[in-house]
Amino acid sequence: MKKSLTLLAMLIGMTPLLSAETNAQIEVKFFKNWIIKGEGNFGNLAIKNTGTEPFLLAKDAFDFQTGQLVARSLPNKKSVKWDPEEEYRLIALDDGEFFNLSPGETHVYDGRKFYLPVGTAFSEEMGFVVSIYLGNGFWLDSEPLTVKRIIPDSVEELPPVKDNTRNLQDPPRKMSAITYKNERWLYYGNVYPICPLSLNGKIRIEPHDGAGLFKIWDGDKSMIFDMYRGGVIVEGSDEHDVLGKWTRERKQQAEADNAEVRRKKQEVQ
């Protein structure tokens, strides 16, 4: 039912703030290798500092998404963000914090999807780079990546559902089940993918306790979707919560690797 695409990209650059070369490897995990028109594909990242100098990353995943992470379309690396420096500086102005990612260590963000829209014309295949902004006009760019842009085989509009904790005048939330070949995905507003679905299960959605929470039934399996906390599944099986499963496993691996890096550094000292 599901396909996944794991992309490894070497980010290499010389930061104007450092005297040594800054190298990093970023692992970009997408949970399907296609997107529909207007969609921002979602995934997560594992960022490893393979250089000799630390570099700054936002502690909070939302700050990182808005102030440092961007997908830039090829061949001109045009960004959907017109002023990355302003967004970057807002992290500190809004009481955000940075941390130094030390050489040899890996960081995995959790609790949030990273949407990577690319502002190119709709085509069968599009190229882009994933970039991390380090301030003062400096980017760490990945190697070129590609993803297919497709026309879905079917779009099943689901009955709209209201968030029962919001203002009664708020419009109902519209969701749909979109099928392409042997994959079926739940979308919010035909733009934001939520999670994979079974191919033939009956989909039912109802408001759940708490703002922005919805209970989603895929056949006889249920999950809780949090619309306001980054659009993530907060309760459900790994079959549906593909983001949570990958993030947990990749973060555990990163923590084990980081512990080994620190142990070796202590032995040298």
Protein backbone atom coordinates (compact mmCIF):
# COMPACT_ATOMS: atom_id res chain seq x y z
CA MET A 1 0.00 0.00 0.00
CA LYS A 2 2.75 2.43 0.91
CA LYS A 3 5.99 3.42 -0.74
CA SER A 4 8.72 5.36 0.98
CA LEU A 5 11.59 7.37 -0.38
CA THR A 6 14.71 7.97 1.65
CA LEU A 7 17.12 10.50 0.23
CA LEU A 8 20.64 11.10 1.48
CA ALA A 9 22.14 14.45 0.59
CA MET A 10 25.57 15.83 1.36
CA LEU A 11 25.43 19.48 2.37
CA ILE A 12 28.78 21.14 1.89
CA GLY A 13 29.63 24.79 2.31
CA MET A 14 31.90 27.39 3.81
CA THR A 15 30.14 29.56 6.37
CA PRO A 16 31.30 33.17 6.59
CA LEU A 17 31.03 32.94 10.38
CA LEU A 18 33.51 30.06 10.69
CA SER A 19 37.15 29.68 9.76
CA ALA A 20 36.85 25.98 8.95
CA GLU A 21 34.84 24.09 6.39
CA THR A 22 31.33 23.19 7.49
CA ASN A 23 30.09 19.83 6.27
CA ALA A 24 26.78 18.17 7.02
CA GLN A 25 24.75 15.22 5.82
CA ILE A 26 20.99 15.46 5.79
CA GLU A 27 18.70 12.49 5.47
CA VAL A 28 15.33 13.47 4.05
CA LYS A 29 12.54 10.98 4.64
CA PHE A 30 9.41 11.19 2.50
CA PHE A 31 6.59 8.71 3.00
CA LYS A 32 5.50 8.66 -0.61
CA ASN A 33 7.41 9.57 -3.76
CA TRP A 34 4.64 11.56 -5.45
CA ILE A 35 2.65 14.72 -4.88
CA ILE A 36 -0.47 16.22 -6.45
CA LYS A 37 -0.83 19.73 -7.77
CA GLY A 38 -0.67 22.31 -4.98
CA GLU A 39 0.59 19.85 -2.37
CA GLY A 40 3.57 20.23 -0.10
CA ASN A 41 4.98 16.75 0.43
CA PHE A 42 5.81 16.04 4.05
CA GLY A 43 8.53 14.15 5.83
CA ASN A 44 11.24 14.49 8.43
CA LEU A 45 14.97 15.02 8.63
CA ALA A 46 18.06 13.64 10.29
CA ILE A 47 20.90 16.17 10.17
CA LYS A 48 24.44 14.99 10.86
CA ASN A 49 27.38 17.37 11.31
CA THR A 50 30.21 15.75 9.39
CA GLY A 51 32.50 18.78 9.59
CA THR A 52 34.97 20.06 12.14
CA GLU A 53 32.94 23.02 13.42
CA PRO A 54 29.52 23.21 15.13
CA PHE A 55 26.69 25.10 13.48
CA LEU A 56 23.47 26.56 14.84
CA LEU A 57 20.05 24.93 14.53
CA ALA A 58 16.79 26.14 16.06
CA LYS A 59 15.81 24.13 19.13
CA ASP A 60 12.10 24.22 18.31
CA ALA A 61 10.87 22.32 15.25
CA PHE A 62 8.43 25.10 14.29
CA ASP A 63 11.21 27.71 14.47
CA PHE A 64 13.43 25.48 12.33
CA GLN A 65 10.65 25.05 9.76
CA THR A 66 9.91 28.77 9.48
CA GLY A 67 13.40 30.22 9.92
CA GLN A 68 15.91 27.75 8.51
CA LEU A 69 14.38 24.98 6.39
CA VAL A 70 13.27 25.50 2.82
CA ALA A 71 12.97 23.58 -0.45
CA ARG A 72 14.39 25.50 -3.41
CA SER A 73 13.47 24.58 -6.96
CA LEU A 74 16.07 23.82 -9.59
CA PRO A 75 17.75 25.00 -11.71
CA ASN A 76 17.75 28.48 -10.15
CA LYS A 77 17.21 27.56 -6.49
CA LYS A 78 14.23 29.85 -6.31
CA SER A 79 12.80 29.84 -2.80
CA VAL A 80 9.22 30.24 -1.66
CA LYS A 81 10.65 32.46 1.08
CA TRP A 82 11.48 35.92 -0.15
CA ASP A 83 13.39 37.12 2.92
CA PRO A 84 15.06 34.20 4.74
CA GLU A 85 17.24 36.53 6.81
CA GLU A 86 14.19 38.19 8.36
CA GLU A 87 12.62 34.82 9.16
CA TYR A 88 15.90 33.58 10.62
CA ARG A 89 16.31 36.61 12.90
CA LEU A 90 12.70 36.33 14.08
CA ILE A 91 13.60 33.11 15.88
CA ALA A 92 15.71 35.05 18.36
CA LEU A 93 13.40 38.07 18.44
CA ASP A 94 10.46 35.82 19.35
CA ASP A 95 12.39 34.27 22.25
CA GLY A 96 13.40 31.29 20.16
CA GLU A 97 16.63 29.50 20.88
CA PHE A 98 19.42 27.88 18.92
CA PHE A 99 21.77 25.06 19.83
CA ASN A 100 25.12 24.04 18.43
CA LEU A 101 25.11 20.75 16.54
CA SER A 102 28.55 19.41 17.42
CA PRO A 103 30.82 17.68 14.89
CA GLY A 104 29.93 14.02 14.45
CA GLU A 105 26.49 14.33 16.05
CA THR A 106 23.03 13.90 14.52
CA HIS A 107 19.80 15.74 15.30
CA VAL A 108 16.24 14.55 14.58
CA TYR A 109 13.29 16.89 15.13
CA ASP A 110 10.08 15.41 16.48
CA GLY A 111 6.47 16.40 17.03
CA ARG A 112 6.02 18.10 13.68
CA LYS A 113 5.75 17.42 9.97
CA PHE A 114 8.07 19.29 7.65
CA TYR A 115 6.28 20.37 4.48
CA LEU A 116 8.55 20.92 1.50
CA PRO A 117 6.66 22.76 -1.25
CA VAL A 118 8.53 23.57 -4.44
CA GLY A 119 7.38 26.53 -6.53
CA THR A 120 7.74 25.08 -10.01
CA ALA A 121 5.27 24.50 -12.80
CA PHE A 122 3.29 21.27 -12.57
CA SER A 123 5.26 18.59 -14.40
CA GLU A 124 5.84 14.85 -14.36
CA GLU A 125 9.06 15.21 -12.41
CA MET A 126 10.52 18.17 -10.55
CA GLY A 127 13.91 18.86 -9.10
CA PHE A 128 14.79 20.75 -5.95
CA VAL A 129 17.30 21.05 -3.16
CA VAL A 130 16.61 21.03 0.56
CA SER A 131 18.41 23.96 2.14
CA ILE A 132 19.24 24.96 5.69
CA TYR A 133 19.80 28.66 6.27
CA LEU A 134 22.58 29.66 8.68
CA GLY A 135 22.21 33.44 8.45
CA ASN A 136 24.08 36.23 6.63
CA GLY A 137 23.05 34.86 3.25
CA PHE A 138 24.64 31.43 3.76
CA TRP A 139 22.86 28.21 2.81
CA LEU A 140 23.70 24.58 3.19
CA ASP A 141 22.31 22.98 0.03
CA SER A 142 21.62 19.33 -0.57
CA GLU A 143 22.42 17.47 -3.72
CA PRO A 144 19.58 17.63 -6.28
CA LEU A 145 16.47 15.67 -5.30
CA THR A 146 13.46 14.72 -7.41
CA VAL A 147 9.83 13.83 -6.81
CA LYS A 148 7.01 12.90 -9.19
CA ARG A 149 4.04 15.17 -9.60
CA ILE A 150 0.98 13.16 -10.59
CA ILE A 151 -2.72 13.32 -11.34
CA PRO A 152 -4.50 11.02 -8.87
CA ASP A 153 -6.54 8.07 -10.04
CA SER A 154 -9.43 9.07 -7.78
CA VAL A 155 -10.40 11.72 -5.22
CA GLU A 156 -13.07 10.72 -2.70
CA GLU A 157 -14.52 13.76 -0.96
CA LEU A 158 -15.41 12.83 2.63
CA PRO A 159 -18.33 14.34 4.58
CA PRO A 160 -17.17 17.64 6.15
CA VAL A 161 -16.78 17.60 9.92
CA LYS A 162 -16.76 20.46 12.43
CA ASP A 163 -14.35 20.92 15.30
CA ASN A 164 -16.75 20.91 18.25
CA THR A 165 -14.56 23.21 20.35
CA ARG A 166 -14.36 26.02 17.80
CA ASN A 167 -16.70 28.90 17.04
CA LEU A 168 -20.00 27.69 15.62
CA GLN A 169 -19.49 30.02 12.67
CA ASP A 170 -16.27 28.30 11.61
CA PRO A 171 -16.73 26.27 8.41
CA PRO A 172 -16.60 22.46 8.54
CA ARG A 173 -13.25 20.84 7.85
CA LYS A 174 -12.99 19.21 4.44
CA MET A 175 -10.96 16.03 3.99
CA SER A 176 -10.57 13.57 1.15
CA ALA A 177 -9.12 10.15 0.35
CA ILE A 178 -6.83 10.31 -2.67
CA THR A 179 -5.75 7.18 -4.51
CA TYR A 180 -2.79 6.79 -6.87
CA LYS A 181 -1.95 3.32 -8.18
CA ASN A 182 -1.75 1.06 -5.09
CA GLU A 183 -1.62 3.89 -2.54
CA ARG A 184 -4.43 5.72 -0.79
CA TRP A 185 -3.87 8.76 1.42
CA LEU A 186 -6.00 10.95 3.64
CA TYR A 187 -5.73 14.67 2.82
CA TYR A 188 -6.93 17.83 4.50
CA GLY A 189 -8.29 20.32 1.99
CA ASN A 190 -6.85 18.33 -0.96
CA VAL A 191 -3.51 19.97 -0.17
CA TYR A 192 -2.07 18.59 3.06
CA PRO A 193 -1.44 14.84 3.28
CA ILE A 194 -2.22 13.36 6.68
CA CYS A 195 -1.53 9.63 6.59
CA PRO A 196 -1.74 6.50 4.42
CA LEU A 197 -5.00 4.58 4.33
CA SER A 198 -6.01 1.05 3.45
CA LEU A 199 -7.09 0.71 -0.17
CA ASN A 200 -10.67 -0.35 0.53
CA GLY A 201 -11.47 0.62 4.13
CA LYS A 202 -14.49 2.83 4.81
CA ILE A 203 -13.30 6.21 6.13
CA ARG A 204 -15.26 7.94 8.88
CA ILE A 205 -14.23 11.15 10.67
CA GLU A 206 -15.74 12.68 13.80
CA PRO A 207 -14.73 15.50 16.17
CA HIS A 208 -12.80 14.40 19.24
CA ASP A 209 -12.35 15.93 22.68
CA GLY A 210 -10.00 18.92 22.57
CA ALA A 211 -9.38 21.71 20.07
CA GLY A 212 -8.31 20.55 16.65
CA LEU A 213 -8.65 16.83 17.46
CA PHE A 214 -10.47 14.44 15.14
CA LYS A 215 -11.03 10.70 15.40
CA ILE A 216 -10.54 8.96 12.08
CA TRP A 217 -11.71 5.43 11.32
CA ASP A 218 -10.08 3.44 8.52
CA GLY A 219 -12.25 0.37 8.43
CA ASP A 220 -12.08 -1.04 11.97
CA LYS A 221 -8.86 0.81 12.86
CA SER A 222 -8.94 4.26 14.46
CA MET A 223 -6.51 7.11 15.02
CA ILE A 224 -6.52 10.61 16.54
CA PHE A 225 -5.44 13.49 14.30
CA ASP A 226 -4.29 16.80 15.82
CA MET A 227 -4.82 19.56 13.29
CA TYR A 228 -3.29 22.34 15.42
CA ARG A 229 -0.16 20.58 16.68
CA GLY A 230 1.60 20.35 13.37
CA GLY A 231 -1.00 18.17 11.68
CA VAL A 232 0.20 14.91 13.21
CA ILE A 233 -1.30 11.61 14.28
CA VAL A 234 -1.12 11.58 18.09
CA GLU A 235 -2.69 8.17 18.60
CA GLY A 236 -2.84 5.28 16.16
CA SER A 237 -1.04 2.30 14.71
CA ASP A 238 2.34 2.53 12.97
CA GLU A 239 0.50 1.62 9.76
CA HIS A 240 -1.08 5.07 9.82
CA ASP A 241 1.42 7.03 11.95
CA VAL A 242 4.31 6.62 9.53
CA LEU A 243 5.88 9.91 10.60
CA GLY A 244 5.83 8.99 14.29
CA LYS A 245 7.24 5.51 13.67
CA TRP A 246 10.15 6.74 11.54
CA THR A 247 10.91 9.63 13.91
CA ARG A 248 11.00 7.43 17.02
CA GLU A 249 13.27 4.86 15.42
CA ARG A 250 15.58 7.38 13.76
CA LYS A 251 15.85 9.47 16.94
CA GLN A 252 16.77 6.41 18.99
CA GLN A 253 19.48 5.57 16.47
CA ALA A 254 20.77 9.16 16.52
CA GLU A 255 20.92 9.22 20.33
CA ALA A 256 22.89 5.97 20.37
CA ASP A 257 25.28 7.28 17.70
CA ASN A 258 25.73 10.58 19.55
CA ALA A 259 26.52 8.76 22.78
CA GLU A 260 29.25 6.83 20.99
CA VAL A 261 30.66 10.03 19.44
CA ARG A 262 30.84 11.68 22.88
CA ARG A 263 32.42 8.58 24.42
CA LYS A 264 35.18 8.60 21.81
CA LYS A 265 35.78 12.32 22.32
CA GLN A 266 36.20 11.75 26.07
CA GLU A 267 38.70 8.98 25.43
CA VAL A 268 40.81 11.34 23.32
CA GLN A 269 40.74 14.12 25.93
